[in-house]
Amino acid sequence: MKPFAEPAGGGADSAGRPAGDAGNIEYRVAHLHDRLAAEELAELGVRAEVRAGSVVVTGTVPSVQCRETLLRTVHEELAGLAVHTDVVVAETASPDHAEDLP
């Protein structure tokens, strides 16, 4: 996993929400889930969980463009929090050879 954003040292995030409050983090993660399901991505195969004060985003998306949109949305929604991402792009290309079965 790689870090996506550095944690804020207190204060507020770019939207004016207090940073670092555990309940606030859970609320922001829930709002992220809502955005991912409802907006242009309609992505339900991605998970975001709070672990040890940071947010871990994992899952598989169908294209590089979807991954970029997902990461942009995560950055917007969770600005000021420590976020680690492990989002992979599904291989959708046709096989280049026949499968050999025993």
C-alpha atoms as a PDB file:
ATOM      1  CA  MET A   1       0.000   0.000   0.000  1.00  0.00           C
ATOM      2  CA  LYS A   2       1.150   3.532  -0.579  1.00  0.00           C
ATOM      3  CA  PRO A   3       0.257   6.684   1.340  1.00  0.00           C
ATOM      4  CA  PHE A   4      -2.173   8.938  -0.472  1.00  0.00           C
ATOM      5  CA  ALA A   5      -2.279  11.888   1.914  1.00  0.00           C
ATOM      6  CA  GLU A   6      -0.385  12.941   4.964  1.00  0.00           C
ATOM      7  CA  PRO A   7      -2.253  13.254   8.281  1.00  0.00           C
ATOM      8  CA  ALA A   8      -3.186  16.700   9.438  1.00  0.00           C
ATOM      9  CA  GLY A   9      -1.698  18.001  12.652  1.00  0.00           C
ATOM     10  CA  GLY A  10      -5.056  19.052  14.101  1.00  0.00           C
ATOM     11  CA  GLY A  11      -7.112  22.003  12.985  1.00  0.00           C
ATOM     12  CA  ALA A  12      -9.542  21.516  10.132  1.00  0.00           C
ATOM     13  CA  ASP A  13      -9.488  19.951   6.689  1.00  0.00           C
ATOM     14  CA  SER A  14     -10.059  21.857   3.435  1.00  0.00           C
ATOM     15  CA  ALA A  15     -13.841  21.659   3.907  1.00  0.00           C
ATOM     16  CA  GLY A  16     -13.646  23.107   7.429  1.00  0.00           C
ATOM     17  CA  ARG A  17     -14.334  19.809   9.206  1.00  0.00           C
ATOM     18  CA  PRO A  18     -12.293  19.094  12.339  1.00  0.00           C
ATOM     19  CA  ALA A  19      -9.436  16.711  11.527  1.00  0.00           C
ATOM     20  CA  GLY A  20      -8.491  13.730  13.652  1.00  0.00           C
ATOM     21  CA  ASP A  21     -11.776  13.124  15.511  1.00  0.00           C
ATOM     22  CA  ALA A  22     -12.478   9.352  15.427  1.00  0.00           C
ATOM     23  CA  GLY A  23     -16.238   9.808  15.021  1.00  0.00           C
ATOM     24  CA  ASN A  24     -15.633  12.390  12.325  1.00  0.00           C
ATOM     25  CA  ILE A  25     -13.372   9.950  10.453  1.00  0.00           C
ATOM     26  CA  GLU A  26     -16.075   7.260  10.527  1.00  0.00           C
ATOM     27  CA  TYR A  27     -18.622   9.795   9.267  1.00  0.00           C
ATOM     28  CA  ARG A  28     -16.320  10.882   6.435  1.00  0.00           C
ATOM     29  CA  VAL A  29     -15.656   7.262   5.425  1.00  0.00           C
ATOM     30  CA  ALA A  30     -19.423   6.577   5.376  1.00  0.00           C
ATOM     31  CA  HIS A  31     -19.929   9.671   3.221  1.00  0.00           C
ATOM     32  CA  LEU A  32     -17.169   8.421   0.885  1.00  0.00           C
ATOM     33  CA  HIS A  33     -19.014   5.091   0.514  1.00  0.00           C
ATOM     34  CA  ASP A  34     -22.199   7.011  -0.352  1.00  0.00           C
ATOM     35  CA  ARG A  35     -20.387   9.086  -2.985  1.00  0.00           C
ATOM     36  CA  LEU A  36     -18.723   6.055  -4.552  1.00  0.00           C
ATOM     37  CA  ALA A  37     -22.057   4.247  -4.842  1.00  0.00           C
ATOM     38  CA  ALA A  38     -24.114   7.197  -6.045  1.00  0.00           C
ATOM     39  CA  GLU A  39     -21.867   9.258  -8.300  1.00  0.00           C
ATOM     40  CA  GLU A  40     -20.408   8.578 -11.727  1.00  0.00           C
ATOM     41  CA  LEU A  41     -18.397   5.568 -10.568  1.00  0.00           C
ATOM     42  CA  ALA A  42     -21.271   3.586  -9.056  1.00  0.00           C
ATOM     43  CA  GLU A  43     -18.452   1.589  -7.486  1.00  0.00           C
ATOM     44  CA  LEU A  44     -19.502  -0.963  -4.884  1.00  0.00           C
ATOM     45  CA  GLY A  45     -16.390  -3.161  -5.057  1.00  0.00           C
ATOM     46  CA  VAL A  46     -14.167  -0.778  -3.106  1.00  0.00           C
ATOM     47  CA  ARG A  47     -13.811  -0.802   0.674  1.00  0.00           C
ATOM     48  CA  ALA A  48     -12.655   2.003   2.933  1.00  0.00           C
ATOM     49  CA  GLU A  49     -11.925   1.165   6.557  1.00  0.00           C
ATOM     50  CA  VAL A  50     -10.447   3.017   9.502  1.00  0.00           C
ATOM     51  CA  ARG A  51      -7.384   1.229  10.873  1.00  0.00           C
ATOM     52  CA  ALA A  52      -5.164   2.649  13.597  1.00  0.00           C
ATOM     53  CA  GLY A  53      -6.166   6.239  12.916  1.00  0.00           C
ATOM     54  CA  SER A  54      -5.744   6.100   9.137  1.00  0.00           C
ATOM     55  CA  VAL A  55      -8.050   5.052   6.314  1.00  0.00           C
ATOM     56  CA  VAL A  56      -7.283   2.045   4.112  1.00  0.00           C
ATOM     57  CA  VAL A  57      -8.969   1.941   0.692  1.00  0.00           C
ATOM     58  CA  THR A  58      -8.883  -1.423  -1.103  1.00  0.00           C
ATOM     59  CA  GLY A  59     -10.588  -3.035  -4.061  1.00  0.00           C
ATOM     60  CA  THR A  60     -10.621  -3.671  -7.782  1.00  0.00           C
ATOM     61  CA  VAL A  61     -11.881  -1.346 -10.510  1.00  0.00           C
ATOM     62  CA  PRO A  62     -12.468  -2.053 -14.212  1.00  0.00           C
ATOM     63  CA  SER A  63     -10.171   0.595 -15.738  1.00  0.00           C
ATOM     64  CA  VAL A  64      -7.342   3.025 -15.134  1.00  0.00           C
ATOM     65  CA  GLN A  65      -9.789   5.906 -15.619  1.00  0.00           C
ATOM     66  CA  CYS A  66     -12.045   4.482 -12.883  1.00  0.00           C
ATOM     67  CA  ARG A  67      -9.038   4.175 -10.571  1.00  0.00           C
ATOM     68  CA  GLU A  68      -8.061   7.808 -11.205  1.00  0.00           C
ATOM     69  CA  THR A  69     -11.624   8.987 -10.563  1.00  0.00           C
ATOM     70  CA  LEU A  70     -11.785   6.880  -7.403  1.00  0.00           C
ATOM     71  CA  LEU A  71      -8.503   8.283  -6.083  1.00  0.00           C
ATOM     72  CA  ARG A  72      -9.614  11.840  -6.840  1.00  0.00           C
ATOM     73  CA  THR A  73     -12.883  11.262  -4.960  1.00  0.00           C
ATOM     74  CA  VAL A  74     -11.038   9.705  -2.008  1.00  0.00           C
ATOM     75  CA  HIS A  75      -8.649  12.669  -1.911  1.00  0.00           C
ATOM     76  CA  GLU A  76     -11.537  15.162  -1.966  1.00  0.00           C
ATOM     77  CA  GLU A  77     -13.566  13.388   0.708  1.00  0.00           C
ATOM     78  CA  LEU A  78     -10.729  12.441   3.059  1.00  0.00           C
ATOM     79  CA  ALA A  79      -8.461  15.479   2.678  1.00  0.00           C
ATOM     80  CA  GLY A  80      -6.240  15.941   5.709  1.00  0.00           C
ATOM     81  CA  LEU A  81      -6.374  12.296   6.808  1.00  0.00           C
ATOM     82  CA  ALA A  82      -3.744   9.592   6.427  1.00  0.00           C
ATOM     83  CA  VAL A  83      -5.021   7.430   3.564  1.00  0.00           C
ATOM     84  CA  HIS A  84      -3.429   4.271   2.187  1.00  0.00           C
ATOM     85  CA  THR A  85      -4.670   2.858  -1.110  1.00  0.00           C
ATOM     86  CA  ASP A  86      -4.442  -0.605  -2.596  1.00  0.00           C
ATOM     87  CA  VAL A  87      -6.766  -0.334  -5.592  1.00  0.00           C
ATOM     88  CA  VAL A  88      -5.971  -2.503  -8.596  1.00  0.00           C
ATOM     89  CA  VAL A  89      -7.273  -2.473 -12.156  1.00  0.00           C
ATOM     90  CA  ALA A  90      -8.917  -5.702 -13.319  1.00  0.00           C
ATOM     91  CA  GLU A  91      -7.348  -7.322 -16.359  1.00  0.00           C
ATOM     92  CA  THR A  92     -10.059  -7.299 -19.024  1.00  0.00           C
ATOM     93  CA  ALA A  93      -8.017  -8.091 -22.134  1.00  0.00           C
ATOM     94  CA  SER A  94      -8.797 -11.228 -24.106  1.00  0.00           C
ATOM     95  CA  PRO A  95      -6.418 -14.127 -23.526  1.00  0.00           C
ATOM     96  CA  ASP A  96      -3.647 -14.342 -26.094  1.00  0.00           C
ATOM     97  CA  HIS A  97      -3.546 -18.164 -26.076  1.00  0.00           C
ATOM     98  CA  ALA A  98      -5.803 -21.132 -25.455  1.00  0.00           C
ATOM     99  CA  GLU A  99      -6.034 -22.509 -21.934  1.00  0.00           C
ATOM    100  CA  ASP A 100      -4.486 -25.975 -21.575  1.00  0.00           C
ATOM    101  CA  LEU A 101      -6.599 -28.218 -19.360  1.00  0.00           C
ATOM    102  CA  PRO A 102      -5.282 -31.522 -17.990  1.00  0.00           C
END
